[in-house]
Amino acid sequence: RITGGSRVYASGGGPALNVYQSTTAGTTEVTLAVWYV
């Protein structure tokens, strides 16, 4: 229900990461994504 509440970011040449506003933010302790450098 949040207008403008998400962003899609590019990584590695294409869209890769969707960041969105939510009340569930930061509730997991696992690694969510890895960049191979």
PDB file of all heavy atoms in Angstrom:
ATOM      1  N   ARG A   1       0.809  -1.223   0.000  1.00  0.00           N
ATOM      2  CA  ARG A   1       0.000   0.000   0.000  1.00  0.00           C
ATOM      3  C   ARG A   1       0.839   1.269   0.000  1.00  0.00           C
ATOM      4  O   ARG A   1       0.315   2.351   0.204  1.00  0.00           O
ATOM      5  CB  ARG A   1      -0.909  -0.001   1.221  1.00  0.00           C
ATOM      6  CG  ARG A   1      -1.878  -1.151   1.204  1.00  0.00           C
ATOM      7  CD  ARG A   1      -2.805  -1.075   2.376  1.00  0.00           C
ATOM      8  NE  ARG A   1      -3.681  -2.223   2.354  1.00  0.00           N
ATOM      9  CZ  ARG A   1      -3.918  -3.004   3.383  1.00  0.00           C
ATOM     10  NH1 ARG A   1      -3.376  -2.741   4.546  1.00  0.00           N
ATOM     11  NH2 ARG A   1      -4.713  -4.035   3.268  1.00  0.00           N
ATOM     12  N   ILE A   2       2.144   1.127  -0.215  1.00  0.00           N
ATOM     13  CA  ILE A   2       3.038   2.289  -0.145  1.00  0.00           C
ATOM     14  C   ILE A   2       3.475   2.686  -1.554  1.00  0.00           C
ATOM     15  O   ILE A   2       4.232   1.973  -2.203  1.00  0.00           O
ATOM     16  CB  ILE A   2       4.276   1.971   0.710  1.00  0.00           C
ATOM     17  CG1 ILE A   2       3.833   1.514   2.102  1.00  0.00           C
ATOM     18  CG2 ILE A   2       5.199   3.175   0.789  1.00  0.00           C
ATOM     19  CD1 ILE A   2       4.938   0.866   2.906  1.00  0.00           C
ATOM     20  N   THR A   3       2.968   3.808  -2.032  1.00  0.00           N
ATOM     21  CA  THR A   3       3.385   4.311  -3.335  1.00  0.00           C
ATOM     22  C   THR A   3       4.862   4.671  -3.258  1.00  0.00           C
ATOM     23  O   THR A   3       5.292   5.337  -2.331  1.00  0.00           O
ATOM     24  CB  THR A   3       2.564   5.562  -3.716  1.00  0.00           C
ATOM     25  OG1 THR A   3       1.179   5.214  -3.700  1.00  0.00           O
ATOM     26  CG2 THR A   3       2.953   6.064  -5.100  1.00  0.00           C
ATOM     27  N   GLY A   4       5.649   4.218  -4.202  1.00  0.00           N
ATOM     28  CA  GLY A   4       7.083   4.496  -4.200  1.00  0.00           C
ATOM     29  C   GLY A   4       7.832   3.768  -3.102  1.00  0.00           C
ATOM     30  O   GLY A   4       8.934   4.157  -2.731  1.00  0.00           O
ATOM     31  N   GLY A   5       7.253   2.687  -2.588  1.00  0.00           N
ATOM     32  CA  GLY A   5       7.849   1.961  -1.470  1.00  0.00           C
ATOM     33  C   GLY A   5       8.838   0.885  -1.854  1.00  0.00           C
ATOM     34  O   GLY A   5       9.335   0.168  -0.991  1.00  0.00           O
ATOM     35  N   SER A   6       9.146   0.746  -3.152  1.00  0.00           N
ATOM     36  CA  SER A   6      10.141  -0.261  -3.533  1.00  0.00           C
ATOM     37  C   SER A   6      11.093   0.285  -4.579  1.00  0.00           C
ATOM     38  O   SER A   6      10.773   1.225  -5.306  1.00  0.00           O
ATOM     39  CB  SER A   6       9.456  -1.526  -4.059  1.00  0.00           C
ATOM     40  OG  SER A   6       8.940  -1.317  -5.349  1.00  0.00           O
ATOM     41  N   ARG A   7      12.272  -0.301  -4.630  1.00  0.00           N
ATOM     42  CA  ARG A   7      13.304   0.046  -5.603  1.00  0.00           C
ATOM     43  C   ARG A   7      13.898  -1.247  -6.134  1.00  0.00           C
ATOM     44  O   ARG A   7      14.106  -2.191  -5.374  1.00  0.00           O
ATOM     45  CB  ARG A   7      14.446   0.845  -4.955  1.00  0.00           C
ATOM     46  CG  ARG A   7      14.070   2.116  -4.238  1.00  0.00           C
ATOM     47  CD  ARG A   7      13.767   3.232  -5.225  1.00  0.00           C
ATOM     48  NE  ARG A   7      13.612   4.526  -4.596  1.00  0.00           N
ATOM     49  CZ  ARG A   7      12.506   4.936  -3.973  1.00  0.00           C
ATOM     50  NH1 ARG A   7      11.487   4.153  -3.848  1.00  0.00           N
ATOM     51  NH2 ARG A   7      12.451   6.153  -3.464  1.00  0.00           N
ATOM     52  N   VAL A   8      14.195  -1.272  -7.420  1.00  0.00           N
ATOM     53  CA  VAL A   8      14.912  -2.394  -8.019  1.00  0.00           C
ATOM     54  C   VAL A   8      16.275  -1.871  -8.426  1.00  0.00           C
ATOM     55  O   VAL A   8      16.371  -0.840  -9.113  1.00  0.00           O
ATOM     56  CB  VAL A   8      14.161  -2.984  -9.236  1.00  0.00           C
ATOM     57  CG1 VAL A   8      14.993  -4.079  -9.897  1.00  0.00           C
ATOM     58  CG2 VAL A   8      12.799  -3.531  -8.808  1.00  0.00           C
ATOM     59  N   TYR A   9      17.316  -2.559  -7.984  1.00  0.00           N
ATOM     60  CA  TYR A   9      18.687  -2.160  -8.265  1.00  0.00           C
ATOM     61  C   TYR A   9      19.355  -3.173  -9.189  1.00  0.00           C
ATOM     62  O   TYR A   9      19.067  -4.364  -9.128  1.00  0.00           O
ATOM     63  CB  TYR A   9      19.498  -2.044  -6.973  1.00  0.00           C
ATOM     64  CG  TYR A   9      18.996  -0.936  -6.091  1.00  0.00           C
ATOM     65  CD1 TYR A   9      18.261  -1.201  -4.951  1.00  0.00           C
ATOM     66  CD2 TYR A   9      19.253   0.384  -6.419  1.00  0.00           C
ATOM     67  CE1 TYR A   9      17.791  -0.172  -4.147  1.00  0.00           C
ATOM     68  CE2 TYR A   9      18.785   1.422  -5.625  1.00  0.00           C
ATOM     69  CZ  TYR A   9      18.059   1.128  -4.494  1.00  0.00           C
ATOM     70  OH  TYR A   9      17.598   2.156  -3.716  1.00  0.00           O
ATOM     71  N   ALA A  10      20.268  -2.659 -10.019  1.00  0.00           N
ATOM     72  CA  ALA A  10      21.024  -3.510 -10.935  1.00  0.00           C
ATOM     73  C   ALA A  10      22.290  -4.003 -10.240  1.00  0.00           C
ATOM     74  O   ALA A  10      22.855  -3.334  -9.388  1.00  0.00           O
ATOM     75  CB  ALA A  10      21.395  -2.735 -12.198  1.00  0.00           C
ATOM     76  N   SER A  11      22.699  -5.185 -10.647  1.00  0.00           N
ATOM     77  CA  SER A  11      23.947  -5.759 -10.172  1.00  0.00           C
ATOM     78  C   SER A  11      24.367  -6.821 -11.179  1.00  0.00           C
ATOM     79  O   SER A  11      23.540  -7.625 -11.605  1.00  0.00           O
ATOM     80  CB  SER A  11      23.759  -6.387  -8.788  1.00  0.00           C
ATOM     81  OG  SER A  11      24.985  -6.864  -8.295  1.00  0.00           O
ATOM     82  N   GLY A  12      25.621  -6.796 -11.574  1.00  0.00           N
ATOM     83  CA  GLY A  12      26.100  -7.795 -12.511  1.00  0.00           C
ATOM     84  C   GLY A  12      25.511  -7.673 -13.897  1.00  0.00           C
ATOM     85  O   GLY A  12      25.442  -8.640 -14.635  1.00  0.00           O
ATOM     86  N   GLY A  13      25.024  -6.486 -14.249  1.00  0.00           N
ATOM     87  CA  GLY A  13      24.521  -6.261 -15.592  1.00  0.00           C
ATOM     88  C   GLY A  13      23.018  -6.328 -15.762  1.00  0.00           C
ATOM     89  O   GLY A  13      22.510  -6.108 -16.853  1.00  0.00           O
ATOM     90  N   GLY A  14      22.284  -6.652 -14.716  1.00  0.00           N
ATOM     91  CA  GLY A  14      20.832  -6.720 -14.855  1.00  0.00           C
ATOM     92  C   GLY A  14      20.150  -6.473 -13.528  1.00  0.00           C
ATOM     93  O   GLY A  14      20.800  -6.376 -12.495  1.00  0.00           O
ATOM     94  N   PRO A  15      18.809  -6.364 -13.537  1.00  0.00           N
ATOM     95  CA  PRO A  15      18.082  -6.160 -12.289  1.00  0.00           C
ATOM     96  C   PRO A  15      18.306  -7.351 -11.371  1.00  0.00           C
ATOM     97  O   PRO A  15      18.219  -8.492 -11.801  1.00  0.00           O
ATOM     98  CB  PRO A  15      16.621  -6.066 -12.712  1.00  0.00           C
ATOM     99  CG  PRO A  15      16.580  -6.175 -14.177  1.00  0.00           C
ATOM    100  CD  PRO A  15      17.949  -6.475 -14.682  1.00  0.00           C
ATOM    101  N   ALA A  16      18.668  -7.106 -10.124  1.00  0.00           N
ATOM    102  CA  ALA A  16      19.015  -8.205  -9.250  1.00  0.00           C
ATOM    103  C   ALA A  16      18.453  -8.100  -7.842  1.00  0.00           C
ATOM    104  O   ALA A  16      18.294  -9.096  -7.175  1.00  0.00           O
ATOM    105  CB  ALA A  16      20.538  -8.322  -9.168  1.00  0.00           C
ATOM    106  N   LEU A  17      18.183  -6.888  -7.382  1.00  0.00           N
ATOM    107  CA  LEU A  17      17.824  -6.716  -5.989  1.00  0.00           C
ATOM    108  C   LEU A  17      16.604  -5.812  -5.873  1.00  0.00           C
ATOM    109  O   LEU A  17      16.611  -4.676  -6.326  1.00  0.00           O
ATOM    110  CB  LEU A  17      19.014  -6.081  -5.243  1.00  0.00           C
ATOM    111  CG  LEU A  17      18.916  -5.930  -3.742  1.00  0.00           C
ATOM    112  CD1 LEU A  17      18.840  -7.292  -3.068  1.00  0.00           C
ATOM    113  CD2 LEU A  17      20.121  -5.162  -3.226  1.00  0.00           C
ATOM    114  N   ASN A  18      15.545  -6.336  -5.271  1.00  0.00           N
ATOM    115  CA  ASN A  18      14.330  -5.580  -5.020  1.00  0.00           C
ATOM    116  C   ASN A  18      14.318  -5.228  -3.539  1.00  0.00           C
ATOM    117  O   ASN A  18      14.372  -6.116  -2.692  1.00  0.00           O
ATOM    118  CB  ASN A  18      13.099  -6.417  -5.370  1.00  0.00           C
ATOM    119  CG  ASN A  18      11.810  -5.681  -5.097  1.00  0.00           C
ATOM    120  OD1 ASN A  18      11.662  -4.533  -5.499  1.00  0.00           O
ATOM    121  ND2 ASN A  18      10.879  -6.325  -4.424  1.00  0.00           N
ATOM    122  N   VAL A  19      14.292  -3.945  -3.230  1.00  0.00           N
ATOM    123  CA  VAL A  19      14.252  -3.469  -1.853  1.00  0.00           C
ATOM    124  C   VAL A  19      12.889  -2.833  -1.648  1.00  0.00           C
ATOM    125  O   VAL A  19      12.497  -1.957  -2.414  1.00  0.00           O
ATOM    126  CB  VAL A  19      15.392  -2.447  -1.605  1.00  0.00           C
ATOM    127  CG1 VAL A  19      15.295  -1.868  -0.206  1.00  0.00           C
ATOM    128  CG2 VAL A  19      16.746  -3.102  -1.836  1.00  0.00           C
ATOM    129  N   TYR A  20      12.165  -3.292  -0.633  1.00  0.00           N
ATOM    130  CA  TYR A  20      10.805  -2.786  -0.435  1.00  0.00           C
ATOM    131  C   TYR A  20      10.527  -2.542   1.036  1.00  0.00           C
ATOM    132  O   TYR A  20      11.052  -3.223   1.910  1.00  0.00           O
ATOM    133  CB  TYR A  20       9.771  -3.758  -1.008  1.00  0.00           C
ATOM    134  CG  TYR A  20       9.727  -5.084  -0.279  1.00  0.00           C
ATOM    135  CD1 TYR A  20       8.746  -5.332   0.671  1.00  0.00           C
ATOM    136  CD2 TYR A  20      10.670  -6.071  -0.542  1.00  0.00           C
ATOM    137  CE1 TYR A  20       8.705  -6.535   1.352  1.00  0.00           C
ATOM    138  CE2 TYR A  20      10.632  -7.284   0.113  1.00  0.00           C
ATOM    139  CZ  TYR A  20       9.647  -7.509   1.065  1.00  0.00           C
ATOM    140  OH  TYR A  20       9.617  -8.697   1.738  1.00  0.00           O
ATOM    141  N   GLN A  21       9.701  -1.536   1.292  1.00  0.00           N
ATOM    142  CA  GLN A  21       9.341  -1.195   2.664  1.00  0.00           C
ATOM    143  C   GLN A  21       8.318  -2.183   3.188  1.00  0.00           C
ATOM    144  O   GLN A  21       7.325  -2.484   2.526  1.00  0.00           O
ATOM    145  CB  GLN A  21       8.797   0.229   2.719  1.00  0.00           C
ATOM    146  CG  GLN A  21       8.591   0.717   4.141  1.00  0.00           C
ATOM    147  CD  GLN A  21       8.409   2.209   4.211  1.00  0.00           C
ATOM    148  OE1 GLN A  21       9.110   2.946   3.537  1.00  0.00           O
ATOM    149  NE2 GLN A  21       7.473   2.644   5.035  1.00  0.00           N
ATOM    150  N   SER A  22       8.593  -2.699   4.391  1.00  0.00           N
ATOM    151  CA  SER A  22       7.707  -3.695   4.988  1.00  0.00           C
ATOM    152  C   SER A  22       7.904  -3.721   6.502  1.00  0.00           C
ATOM    153  O   SER A  22       8.987  -3.411   6.998  1.00  0.00           O
ATOM    154  CB  SER A  22       8.027  -5.088   4.414  1.00  0.00           C
ATOM    155  OG  SER A  22       7.320  -6.086   5.120  1.00  0.00           O
ATOM    156  N   THR A  23       6.886  -4.147   7.200  1.00  0.00           N
ATOM    157  CA  THR A  23       6.987  -4.285   8.655  1.00  0.00           C
ATOM    158  C   THR A  23       7.820  -5.504   9.048  1.00  0.00           C
ATOM    159  O   THR A  23       8.172  -5.666  10.206  1.00  0.00           O
ATOM    160  CB  THR A  23       5.590  -4.408   9.291  1.00  0.00           C
ATOM    161  OG1 THR A  23       4.918  -5.525   8.705  1.00  0.00           O
ATOM    162  CG2 THR A  23       4.786  -3.136   9.088  1.00  0.00           C
ATOM    163  N   THR A  24       8.165  -6.364   8.092  1.00  0.00           N
ATOM    164  CA  THR A  24       8.964  -7.562   8.387  1.00  0.00           C
ATOM    165  C   THR A  24      10.461  -7.316   8.242  1.00  0.00           C
ATOM    166  O   THR A  24      11.253  -8.245   8.324  1.00  0.00           O
ATOM    167  CB  THR A  24       8.563  -8.731   7.467  1.00  0.00           C
ATOM    168  OG1 THR A  24       8.858  -8.373   6.116  1.00  0.00           O
ATOM    169  CG2 THR A  24       7.097  -9.081   7.615  1.00  0.00           C
ATOM    170  N   ALA A  25      10.875  -6.089   8.058  1.00  0.00           N
ATOM    171  CA  ALA A  25      12.285  -5.753   7.823  1.00  0.00           C
ATOM    172  C   ALA A  25      13.192  -6.264   8.933  1.00  0.00           C
ATOM    173  O   ALA A  25      12.876  -6.139  10.116  1.00  0.00           O
ATOM    174  CB  ALA A  25      12.446  -4.248   7.689  1.00  0.00           C
ATOM    175  N   GLY A  26      14.322  -6.846   8.512  1.00  0.00           N
ATOM    176  CA  GLY A  26      15.359  -7.251   9.450  1.00  0.00           C
ATOM    177  C   GLY A  26      14.998  -8.375  10.386  1.00  0.00           C
ATOM    178  O   GLY A  26      15.619  -8.527  11.435  1.00  0.00           O
ATOM    179  N   THR A  27      14.016  -9.191  10.053  1.00  0.00           N
ATOM    180  CA  THR A  27      13.579 -10.249  10.970  1.00  0.00           C
ATOM    181  C   THR A  27      14.281 -11.584  10.742  1.00  0.00           C
ATOM    182  O   THR A  27      14.019 -12.530  11.466  1.00  0.00           O
ATOM    183  CB  THR A  27      12.051 -10.468  10.874  1.00  0.00           C
ATOM    184  OG1 THR A  27      11.714 -10.813   9.531  1.00  0.00           O
ATOM    185  CG2 THR A  27      11.293  -9.225  11.305  1.00  0.00           C
ATOM    186  N   THR A  28      15.175 -11.672   9.773  1.00  0.00           N
ATOM    187  CA  THR A  28      15.889 -12.921   9.560  1.00  0.00           C
ATOM    188  C   THR A  28      17.370 -12.735   9.860  1.00  0.00           C
ATOM    189  O   THR A  28      17.917 -11.652   9.677  1.00  0.00           O
ATOM    190  CB  THR A  28      15.702 -13.439   8.112  1.00  0.00           C
ATOM    191  OG1 THR A  28      16.357 -14.704   7.989  1.00  0.00           O
ATOM    192  CG2 THR A  28      16.264 -12.476   7.091  1.00  0.00           C
ATOM    193  N   GLU A  29      18.003 -13.787  10.347  1.00  0.00           N
ATOM    194  CA  GLU A  29      19.415 -13.714  10.690  1.00  0.00           C
ATOM    195  C   GLU A  29      20.305 -14.331   9.621  1.00  0.00           C
ATOM    196  O   GLU A  29      21.522 -14.338   9.765  1.00  0.00           O
ATOM    197  CB  GLU A  29      19.648 -14.406  12.030  1.00  0.00           C
ATOM    198  CG  GLU A  29      18.944 -13.694  13.178  1.00  0.00           C
ATOM    199  CD  GLU A  29      19.168 -14.376  14.520  1.00  0.00           C
ATOM    200  OE1 GLU A  29      20.060 -15.240  14.626  1.00  0.00           O
ATOM    201  OE2 GLU A  29      18.446 -14.041  15.460  1.00  0.00           O
ATOM    202  N   VAL A  30      19.729 -14.839   8.555  1.00  0.00           N
ATOM    203  CA  VAL A  30      20.509 -15.518   7.518  1.00  0.00           C
ATOM    204  C   VAL A  30      21.084 -14.519   6.524  1.00  0.00           C
ATOM    205  O   VAL A  30      20.626 -13.382   6.430  1.00  0.00           O
ATOM    206  CB  VAL A  30      19.657 -16.566   6.763  1.00  0.00           C
ATOM    207  CG1 VAL A  30      19.116 -17.616   7.727  1.00  0.00           C
ATOM    208  CG2 VAL A  30      18.528 -15.904   6.005  1.00  0.00           C
ATOM    209  N   THR A  31      22.075 -14.952   5.772  1.00  0.00           N
ATOM    210  CA  THR A  31      22.627 -14.138   4.693  1.00  0.00           C
ATOM    211  C   THR A  31      21.627 -14.170   3.548  1.00  0.00           C
ATOM    212  O   THR A  31      21.259 -15.232   3.062  1.00  0.00           O
ATOM    213  CB  THR A  31      23.987 -14.698   4.231  1.00  0.00           C
ATOM    214  OG1 THR A  31      24.866 -14.726   5.366  1.00  0.00           O
ATOM    215  CG2 THR A  31      24.584 -13.849   3.127  1.00  0.00           C
ATOM    216  N   LEU A  32      21.174 -13.002   3.110  1.00  0.00           N
ATOM    217  CA  LEU A  32      20.120 -12.910   2.103  1.00  0.00           C
ATOM    218  C   LEU A  32      20.641 -12.885   0.671  1.00  0.00           C
ATOM    219  O   LEU A  32      19.932 -13.289  -0.242  1.00  0.00           O
ATOM    220  CB  LEU A  32      19.257 -11.674   2.363  1.00  0.00           C
ATOM    221  CG  LEU A  32      18.500 -11.713   3.688  1.00  0.00           C
ATOM    222  CD1 LEU A  32      17.839 -10.371   3.962  1.00  0.00           C
ATOM    223  CD2 LEU A  32      17.474 -12.831   3.678  1.00  0.00           C
ATOM    224  N   ALA A  33      21.844 -12.385   0.464  1.00  0.00           N
ATOM    225  CA  ALA A  33      22.408 -12.330  -0.883  1.00  0.00           C
ATOM    226  C   ALA A  33      23.924 -12.238  -0.783  1.00  0.00           C
ATOM    227  O   ALA A  33      24.456 -11.751   0.216  1.00  0.00           O
ATOM    228  CB  ALA A  33      21.855 -11.134  -1.664  1.00  0.00           C
ATOM    229  N   VAL A  34      24.593 -12.715  -1.821  1.00  0.00           N
ATOM    230  CA  VAL A  34      26.056 -12.717  -1.855  1.00  0.00           C
ATOM    231  C   VAL A  34      26.516 -12.117  -3.176  1.00  0.00           C
ATOM    232  O   VAL A  34      26.005 -12.474  -4.233  1.00  0.00           O
ATOM    233  CB  VAL A  34      26.615 -14.154  -1.738  1.00  0.00           C
ATOM    234  CG1 VAL A  34      28.130 -14.152  -1.807  1.00  0.00           C
ATOM    235  CG2 VAL A  34      26.124 -14.828  -0.468  1.00  0.00           C
ATOM    236  N   TRP A  35      27.478 -11.204  -3.094  1.00  0.00           N
ATOM    237  CA  TRP A  35      28.135 -10.697  -4.293  1.00  0.00           C
ATOM    238  C   TRP A  35      29.448 -11.455  -4.438  1.00  0.00           C
ATOM    239  O   TRP A  35      30.238 -11.535  -3.487  1.00  0.00           O
ATOM    240  CB  TRP A  35      28.429  -9.208  -4.182  1.00  0.00           C
ATOM    241  CG  TRP A  35      27.274  -8.328  -4.482  1.00  0.00           C
ATOM    242  CD1 TRP A  35      26.895  -7.869  -5.705  1.00  0.00           C
ATOM    243  CD2 TRP A  35      26.346  -7.759  -3.548  1.00  0.00           C
ATOM    244  NE1 TRP A  35      25.796  -7.054  -5.592  1.00  0.00           N
ATOM    245  CE2 TRP A  35      25.433  -6.979  -4.279  1.00  0.00           C
ATOM    246  CE3 TRP A  35      26.207  -7.845  -2.167  1.00  0.00           C
ATOM    247  CZ2 TRP A  35      24.399  -6.284  -3.672  1.00  0.00           C
ATOM    248  CZ3 TRP A  35      25.173  -7.159  -1.562  1.00  0.00           C
ATOM    249  CH2 TRP A  35      24.284  -6.394  -2.310  1.00  0.00           C
ATOM    250  N   TYR A  36      29.686 -12.034  -5.602  1.00  0.00           N
ATOM    251  CA  TYR A  36      30.937 -12.734  -5.888  1.00  0.00           C
ATOM    252  C   TYR A  36      31.847 -11.750  -6.587  1.00  0.00           C
ATOM    253  O   TYR A  36      31.526 -11.258  -7.666  1.00  0.00           O
ATOM    254  CB  TYR A  36      30.659 -13.981  -6.736  1.00  0.00           C
ATOM    255  CG  TYR A  36      29.832 -14.969  -5.945  1.00  0.00           C
ATOM    256  CD1 TYR A  36      28.444 -14.950  -6.000  1.00  0.00           C
ATOM    257  CD2 TYR A  36      30.452 -15.874  -5.099  1.00  0.00           C
ATOM    258  CE1 TYR A  36      27.686 -15.827  -5.240  1.00  0.00           C
ATOM    259  CE2 TYR A  36      29.704 -16.758  -4.332  1.00  0.00           C
ATOM    260  CZ  TYR A  36      28.320 -16.731  -4.409  1.00  0.00           C
ATOM    261  OH  TYR A  36      27.576 -17.594  -3.644  1.00  0.00           O
ATOM    262  N   VAL A  37      32.969 -11.438  -5.947  1.00  0.00           N
ATOM    263  CA  VAL A  37      33.845 -10.370  -6.409  1.00  0.00           C
ATOM    264  C   VAL A  37      35.236 -10.916  -6.719  1.00  0.00           C
ATOM    265  O   VAL A  37      35.630 -11.970  -6.222  1.00  0.00           O
ATOM    266  CB  VAL A  37      33.930  -9.235  -5.361  1.00  0.00           C
ATOM    267  CG1 VAL A  37      32.545  -8.638  -5.108  1.00  0.00           C
ATOM    268  CG2 VAL A  37      34.544  -9.717  -4.060  1.00  0.00           C
TER     269      VAL A  37
END
